[in-house]
Every structure is written in C-alpha cells, then in structure tokens.
C-alpha atoms as a PDB file:
ATOM      1  CA  MET A   1     -36.302  30.266 -49.193  1.00  0.00           C
ATOM      2  CA  GLY A   2     -36.963  27.164 -51.308  1.00  0.00           C
ATOM      3  CA  LEU A   3     -40.040  25.048 -51.756  1.00  0.00           C
ATOM      4  CA  PHE A   4     -39.107  22.557 -49.074  1.00  0.00           C
ATOM      5  CA  SER A   5     -37.583  24.920 -46.556  1.00  0.00           C
ATOM      6  CA  GLU A   6     -40.515  24.990 -44.161  1.00  0.00           C
ATOM      7  CA  MET A   7     -40.053  22.815 -41.085  1.00  0.00           C
ATOM      8  CA  GLY A   8     -42.940  20.584 -40.084  1.00  0.00           C
ATOM      9  CA  PRO A   9     -44.003  19.844 -36.520  1.00  0.00           C
ATOM     10  CA  GLY A  10     -41.312  18.103 -34.488  1.00  0.00           C
ATOM     11  CA  MET A  11     -38.550  18.974 -36.956  1.00  0.00           C
ATOM     12  CA  SER A  12     -35.445  20.813 -35.898  1.00  0.00           C
ATOM     13  CA  SER A  13     -33.170  22.899 -38.052  1.00  0.00           C
ATOM     14  CA  ASP A  14     -29.898  21.819 -36.535  1.00  0.00           C
ATOM     15  CA  ARG A  15     -27.797  19.123 -38.166  1.00  0.00           C
ATOM     16  CA  ALA A  16     -27.332  16.969 -35.012  1.00  0.00           C
ATOM     17  CA  SER A  17     -31.040  16.241 -34.701  1.00  0.00           C
ATOM     18  CA  TYR A  18     -31.194  15.461 -38.384  1.00  0.00           C
ATOM     19  CA  ARG A  19     -28.370  12.918 -38.071  1.00  0.00           C
ATOM     20  CA  ARG A  20     -30.029  11.245 -35.086  1.00  0.00           C
ATOM     21  CA  ALA A  21     -33.446  11.046 -36.817  1.00  0.00           C
ATOM     22  CA  ARG A  22     -31.941   9.830 -40.120  1.00  0.00           C
ATOM     23  CA  GLY A  23     -30.802   6.494 -38.643  1.00  0.00           C
ATOM     24  CA  THR A  24     -34.105   5.723 -36.997  1.00  0.00           C
ATOM     25  CA  CYS A  25     -36.342   3.164 -38.619  1.00  0.00           C
ATOM     26  CA  TYR A  26     -40.012   3.329 -37.792  1.00  0.00           C
ATOM     27  CA  THR A  27     -41.094   0.065 -39.350  1.00  0.00           C
ATOM     28  CA  THR A  28     -41.154  -3.239 -37.536  1.00  0.00           C
ATOM     29  CA  PRO A  29     -38.485  -5.791 -38.469  1.00  0.00           C
ATOM     30  CA  VAL A  30     -41.068  -8.488 -39.326  1.00  0.00           C
ATOM     31  CA  MET A  31     -43.743  -7.187 -41.641  1.00  0.00           C
ATOM     32  CA  GLU A  32     -46.622  -9.178 -43.047  1.00  0.00           C
ATOM     33  CA  ARG A  33     -46.541  -9.973 -46.720  1.00  0.00           C
ATOM     34  CA  GLU A  34     -48.989  -7.875 -48.730  1.00  0.00           C
ATOM     35  CA  ARG A  35     -52.014  -9.963 -49.590  1.00  0.00           C
ATOM     36  CA  THR A  36     -53.079  -9.984 -53.219  1.00  0.00           C
ATOM     37  CA  ASP A  37     -56.650  -9.531 -54.198  1.00  0.00           C
ATOM     38  CA  ALA A  38     -58.834 -12.454 -55.114  1.00  0.00           C
ATOM     39  CA  TYR A  39     -59.069 -11.015 -58.626  1.00  0.00           C
ATOM     40  CA  GLU A  40     -55.309 -11.144 -59.065  1.00  0.00           C
ATOM     41  CA  ASP A  41     -55.126 -14.716 -57.812  1.00  0.00           C
ATOM     42  CA  ARG A  42     -57.873 -15.796 -60.175  1.00  0.00           C
ATOM     43  CA  LEU A  43     -56.175 -13.967 -63.034  1.00  0.00           C
ATOM     44  CA  LEU A  44     -52.803 -15.629 -62.403  1.00  0.00           C
ATOM     45  CA  LEU A  45     -54.501 -19.053 -62.257  1.00  0.00           C
ATOM     46  CA  ARG A  46     -56.546 -18.300 -65.406  1.00  0.00           C
ATOM     47  CA  ILE A  47     -53.740 -17.194 -67.700  1.00  0.00           C
ATOM     48  CA  PRO A  48     -52.060 -20.635 -68.141  1.00  0.00           C
ATOM     49  CA  LEU A  49     -55.432 -22.235 -68.758  1.00  0.00           C
ATOM     50  CA  GLU A  50     -56.252 -19.590 -71.379  1.00  0.00           C
ATOM     51  CA  VAL A  51     -52.898 -20.124 -73.045  1.00  0.00           C
ATOM     52  CA  LEU A  52     -53.598 -23.827 -73.288  1.00  0.00           C
ATOM     53  CA  ALA A  53     -57.085 -23.248 -74.610  1.00  0.00           C
ATOM     54  CA  ALA A  54     -55.907 -20.724 -77.208  1.00  0.00           C
ATOM     55  CA  ALA A  55     -53.076 -23.032 -78.345  1.00  0.00           C
ATOM     56  CA  ALA A  56     -55.478 -25.982 -78.595  1.00  0.00           C
ATOM     57  CA  ALA A  57     -58.053 -23.935 -80.506  1.00  0.00           C
ATOM     58  CA  LEU A  58     -55.480 -22.753 -83.021  1.00  0.00           C
ATOM     59  CA  ALA A  59     -53.575 -26.092 -83.194  1.00  0.00           C
ATOM     60  CA  VAL A  60     -56.602 -27.845 -84.743  1.00  0.00           C
ATOM     61  CA  PRO A  61     -56.841 -25.546 -87.790  1.00  0.00           C
ATOM     62  CA  ALA A  62     -53.050 -25.755 -88.091  1.00  0.00           C
ATOM     63  CA  ALA A  63     -53.202 -29.505 -88.119  1.00  0.00           C
ATOM     64  CA  PHE A  64     -55.821 -29.455 -90.908  1.00  0.00           C
ATOM     65  CA  LEU A  65     -54.157 -26.699 -92.978  1.00  0.00           C
ATOM     66  CA  PHE A  66     -50.592 -28.086 -92.808  1.00  0.00           C
ATOM     67  CA  ASP A  67     -50.105 -31.470 -91.158  1.00  0.00           C
ATOM     68  CA  PRO A  68     -50.808 -33.075 -87.770  1.00  0.00           C
ATOM     69  CA  LEU A  69     -47.190 -32.591 -86.616  1.00  0.00           C
ATOM     70  CA  THR A  70     -47.507 -28.822 -87.136  1.00  0.00           C
ATOM     71  CA  GLY A  71     -50.658 -28.763 -84.987  1.00  0.00           C
ATOM     72  CA  LEU A  72     -48.964 -30.873 -82.326  1.00  0.00           C
ATOM     73  CA  LEU A  73     -45.942 -28.601 -82.134  1.00  0.00           C
ATOM     74  CA  PHE A  74     -48.209 -25.562 -82.068  1.00  0.00           C
ATOM     75  CA  PHE A  75     -49.985 -27.032 -79.027  1.00  0.00           C
ATOM     76  CA  ALA A  76     -46.647 -28.063 -77.454  1.00  0.00           C
ATOM     77  CA  GLY A  77     -45.326 -24.468 -77.733  1.00  0.00           C
ATOM     78  CA  GLY A  78     -48.459 -23.178 -75.972  1.00  0.00           C
ATOM     79  CA  ALA A  79     -48.144 -25.872 -73.318  1.00  0.00           C
ATOM     80  CA  LEU A  80     -44.463 -24.894 -72.700  1.00  0.00           C
ATOM     81  CA  ALA A  81     -45.520 -21.245 -72.403  1.00  0.00           C
ATOM     82  CA  ALA A  82     -48.243 -22.136 -69.861  1.00  0.00           C
ATOM     83  CA  LEU A  83     -45.851 -24.376 -67.931  1.00  0.00           C
ATOM     84  CA  GLY A  84     -43.229 -21.639 -67.898  1.00  0.00           C
ATOM     85  CA  PHE A  85     -45.692 -19.048 -66.622  1.00  0.00           C
ATOM     86  CA  THR A  86     -46.905 -21.333 -63.866  1.00  0.00           C
ATOM     87  CA  THR A  87     -43.373 -22.262 -62.697  1.00  0.00           C
ATOM     88  CA  LEU A  88     -42.306 -18.622 -62.804  1.00  0.00           C
ATOM     89  CA  LYS A  89     -45.260 -17.592 -60.642  1.00  0.00           C
ATOM     90  CA  ARG A  90     -44.572 -20.323 -58.117  1.00  0.00           C
ATOM     91  CA  SER A  91     -40.867 -19.807 -57.955  1.00  0.00           C
ATOM     92  CA  LEU A  92     -41.251 -16.064 -57.551  1.00  0.00           C
ATOM     93  CA  SER A  93     -43.729 -16.580 -54.728  1.00  0.00           C
ATOM     94  CA  LYS A  94     -41.310 -18.885 -52.949  1.00  0.00           C
ATOM     95  CA  VAL A  95     -38.342 -16.552 -53.455  1.00  0.00           C
ATOM     96  CA  LEU A  96     -40.242 -13.507 -52.203  1.00  0.00           C
ATOM     97  CA  ASP A  97     -41.483 -15.396 -49.139  1.00  0.00           C
ATOM     98  CA  ARG A  98     -37.900 -15.954 -48.016  1.00  0.00           C
ATOM     99  CA  GLY A  99     -37.301 -12.252 -47.575  1.00  0.00           C
ATOM    100  CA  ARG A 100     -34.679  -9.901 -48.931  1.00  0.00           C
ATOM    101  CA  ARG A 101     -31.651 -11.941 -47.892  1.00  0.00           C
ATOM    102  CA  GLY A 102     -30.673 -14.203 -50.731  1.00  0.00           C
ATOM    103  CA  ALA A 103     -33.873 -13.479 -52.660  1.00  0.00           C
ATOM    104  CA  LEU A 104     -32.173 -11.555 -55.403  1.00  0.00           C
ATOM    105  CA  ARG A 105     -29.490 -14.148 -55.975  1.00  0.00           C
ATOM    106  CA  SER A 106     -31.830 -17.175 -55.952  1.00  0.00           C
ATOM    107  CA  GLY A 107     -34.342 -15.300 -58.069  1.00  0.00           C
ATOM    108  CA  VAL A 108     -31.748 -14.569 -60.739  1.00  0.00           C
ATOM    109  CA  VAL A 109     -30.478 -18.171 -60.645  1.00  0.00           C
ATOM    110  CA  LEU A 110     -34.022 -19.558 -61.008  1.00  0.00           C
ATOM    111  CA  TYR A 111     -34.830 -17.198 -63.867  1.00  0.00           C
ATOM    112  CA  ALA A 112     -31.547 -18.019 -65.650  1.00  0.00           C
ATOM    113  CA  LEU A 113     -32.212 -21.732 -65.229  1.00  0.00           C
ATOM    114  CA  ARG A 114     -35.702 -21.277 -66.598  1.00  0.00           C
ATOM    115  CA  LEU A 115     -34.350 -19.379 -69.609  1.00  0.00           C
ATOM    116  CA  VAL A 116     -31.743 -22.053 -70.231  1.00  0.00           C
ATOM    117  CA  LEU A 117     -34.412 -24.813 -70.153  1.00  0.00           C
ATOM    118  CA  ILE A 118     -36.671 -22.917 -72.577  1.00  0.00           C
ATOM    119  CA  CYS A 119     -33.708 -22.368 -74.966  1.00  0.00           C
ATOM    120  CA  ALA A 120     -32.858 -26.059 -74.691  1.00  0.00           C
ATOM    121  CA  VAL A 121     -36.391 -27.018 -75.758  1.00  0.00           C
ATOM    122  CA  PHE A 122     -36.219 -24.595 -78.701  1.00  0.00           C
ATOM    123  CA  PHE A 123     -32.852 -26.040 -79.677  1.00  0.00           C
ATOM    124  CA  LEU A 124     -34.184 -29.593 -79.468  1.00  0.00           C
ATOM    125  CA  ILE A 125     -37.127 -28.605 -81.686  1.00  0.00           C
ATOM    126  CA  ILE A 126     -34.741 -27.002 -84.176  1.00  0.00           C
ATOM    127  CA  LEU A 127     -32.608 -30.184 -84.237  1.00  0.00           C
ATOM    128  CA  LEU A 128     -35.547 -32.558 -84.635  1.00  0.00           C
ATOM    129  CA  PHE A 129     -37.966 -30.521 -86.736  1.00  0.00           C
ATOM    130  CA  PRO A 130     -36.078 -27.649 -88.374  1.00  0.00           C
ATOM    131  CA  LYS A 131     -38.903 -26.716 -90.718  1.00  0.00           C
ATOM    132  CA  LYS A 132     -41.549 -26.709 -87.918  1.00  0.00           C
ATOM    133  CA  ILE A 133     -39.894 -24.254 -85.493  1.00  0.00           C
ATOM    134  CA  LEU A 134     -42.256 -21.478 -86.577  1.00  0.00           C
ATOM    135  CA  ALA A 135     -45.242 -23.542 -85.466  1.00  0.00           C
ATOM    136  CA  PHE A 136     -43.706 -24.167 -82.091  1.00  0.00           C
ATOM    137  CA  GLY A 137     -42.748 -20.474 -81.748  1.00  0.00           C
ATOM    138  CA  ALA A 138     -46.260 -19.402 -82.740  1.00  0.00           C
ATOM    139  CA  GLY A 139     -47.709 -21.702 -80.068  1.00  0.00           C
ATOM    140  CA  PHE A 140     -45.265 -20.409 -77.536  1.00  0.00           C
ATOM    141  CA  SER A 141     -46.268 -16.826 -78.349  1.00  0.00           C
ATOM    142  CA  MET A 142     -49.880 -17.528 -77.377  1.00  0.00           C
ATOM    143  CA  ILE A 143     -48.942 -16.156 -73.962  1.00  0.00           C
ATOM    144  CA  VAL A 144     -48.520 -12.728 -75.593  1.00  0.00           C
ATOM    145  CA  LEU A 145     -51.965 -12.925 -77.158  1.00  0.00           C
ATOM    146  CA  VAL A 146     -53.597 -14.010 -73.885  1.00  0.00           C
ATOM    147  CA  SER A 147     -51.744 -11.290 -71.912  1.00  0.00           C
ATOM    148  CA  LEU A 148     -52.990  -8.672 -74.433  1.00  0.00           C
ATOM    149  CA  VAL A 149     -56.569  -9.888 -74.130  1.00  0.00           C
ATOM    150  CA  GLU A 150     -56.367  -9.906 -70.300  1.00  0.00           C
ATOM    151  CA  GLY A 151     -54.956  -6.383 -70.321  1.00  0.00           C
ATOM    152  CA  VAL A 152     -57.756  -5.110 -72.513  1.00  0.00           C
ATOM    153  CA  ARG A 153     -60.281  -6.893 -70.361  1.00  0.00           C
ATOM    154  CA  ALA A 154     -58.846  -5.315 -67.185  1.00  0.00           C
ATOM    155  CA  LEU A 155     -59.022  -1.824 -68.825  1.00  0.00           C
ATOM    156  CA  LEU A 156     -62.608  -2.433 -69.809  1.00  0.00           C
ATOM    157  CA  LEU A 157     -63.456  -3.519 -66.239  1.00  0.00           C
ATOM    158  CA  MET A 158     -61.726  -0.387 -64.908  1.00  0.00           C
ATOM    159  CA  LYS A 159     -63.686   1.754 -67.331  1.00  0.00           C
ATOM    160  CA  THR A 160     -67.036   0.257 -66.324  1.00  0.00           C
ATOM    161  CA  TRP A 161     -66.157   0.625 -62.634  1.00  0.00           C
ATOM    162  CA  LYS A 162     -65.610   4.369 -63.001  1.00  0.00           C
ATOM    163  CA  ASP A 163     -68.887   4.965 -64.812  1.00  0.00           C
END
C-alpha cells in the first residue's frame, strides 16, 4: 500500500465514519487572539521612529548639498512613510480583532484608501515641485533601508542566540 495507508488509533477504514468525522470541528468557536512577543511590539513601535531619524539625518546633508527645500521634502517623504507604517499597523490590528467576518473586505478597502492617499500626496508633490520629486521619493524609501537594517539585526540576534 501507499505511504499514508496505515490507519492510526481510532480511525476506521469505512467511508461512513470518514464522512461523519470530516464535518466535526474540534476547535472552540471563540479563540483567543495570539499574543505577540514583547520584542515584536518593540520592533513595530521602533520602525517608524527609526524611519524619522534616518530621514532627518539624511535630510540635513541634502539641505546643505542642494537647497533647504530638498532637505525638507526628503524629511517629509520619510515622515509620510513613518505615518503610513503606523496607520497600517493600527488599522490591521483593528481589522484582525473583528474576526473573519468582514475582515477581508474592510482590510482591502483600508489598504486601497491608504494607497490612494499616498498616491495623492505624490501627485501633489509632482504638481507643486516637479523637480524635487526624487528627494521626496528618496525620503519615502527610508522605510526600505530601515526594514533592511532591522532584518539584518534580527538575523544577527538569531545567530548569537544559537551559539
């Protein structure tokens, strides 16, 4: 016979018992939400602050190298990325607390609204300062740099834990 042909304890080979057991759910209808670790909570609170700090640290040289408006738009891009991350985290927590019913639809609507608002800000920057959009986009992409640094940090912590 095949690899999975052996019957475990309490299993029957007839189809009727399989049909009866298949519809049985052994989980409780109300389950507690999985609690996140303190490290994950600290990490999710730290990322927006690190994005703001990185954007501010790199906005100052940009202001001196180019002009103050470039530095300001660089910092504004980083601030929008930090605000977007914070609102995404909060809205996802609220949506997931509601349960499965309606969570998918409201999650998609909130994410689409967030995307539209970010695109509207980019469009406004393009209309007002067409030559400075790269500075705003570079500031906005600080979240990628911070996420990369946090990922490397987590890998290093995991490596030291195993040793």
